[in-house]
Amino acid sequence: MRDGLDPGQSGRRGEEPSPSEVDPHRPGEDAIRPPFDRTEREKTQRVNDQIRISPVRVVGADGAQLGVIPTSKALELAREADMDLVEVAPNERPPVCKIMDFGKFKYEQKKRTTKQKQHQVQVKEIRVRPKTGDEDIRVKVKKARDFLEHKDKVLVNVLFRGREMAHIEEGRRVLDEVITALEDVAKIEKPPAMEGRRMTAIVAPR
């Protein structure tokens, strides 16, 4: 026996252990590690100078459509009204922003959250015609907005009668006008489609 080695040990120093001597329960370099648990960062709503993209579609504090304008101009309008410019539909192109009191909006949003758990979503209906005038459309939009703010869905129904079936594009124009006016509070759940003598679409609360 040399150098104090036990009889059962290899006679050469530094010799790699045989596979049978490796502990099978000890993880090696090739062991598969469990996936790292990452928590998704909470998404925040962009407000004022956080809105970098330009131009944007702007909705006034009173719900009026102000059109597509440069973001710098939209911020100027918000400051003149002593309010905030809030991005409400970031996935639209261009994004939709609304002039509002953001602090008040967040407070009311928090209050509504507790009520949503008890609220059963219903599908409300508004009806228009291909020749519905601008004033009547505004009334219908206001009614639809009330439904959406109560977290109900809205079925927009364009009714065609007689020869109006020859002018389907007029009905589509009215339907698109209603949907556009609700962009800041609604998203399209069912795109416009003809169903017999009517054209329908469903919008849901954002």
Foldseek 3Di string as FASTA:
>chain_A
DPPPDDPVDDPDPPDDDDPVPDDPVDDDPPDDDDDDDDDDDDDDWDKQPSDDDDWEFEAEPVLHTPGTDTSVVVSVVLVVVVFMWTFQAVPDVNTYIYRHHVVVVVVVVVVVVVVVVVDDAEEAEDEDELPDDPVVLVVSLVVCLVSQVNFYKYKYKYADDDPCVVVVVSSVVSVVVSCVSCVRFWDWPADWDDDPRMIITMIGGD
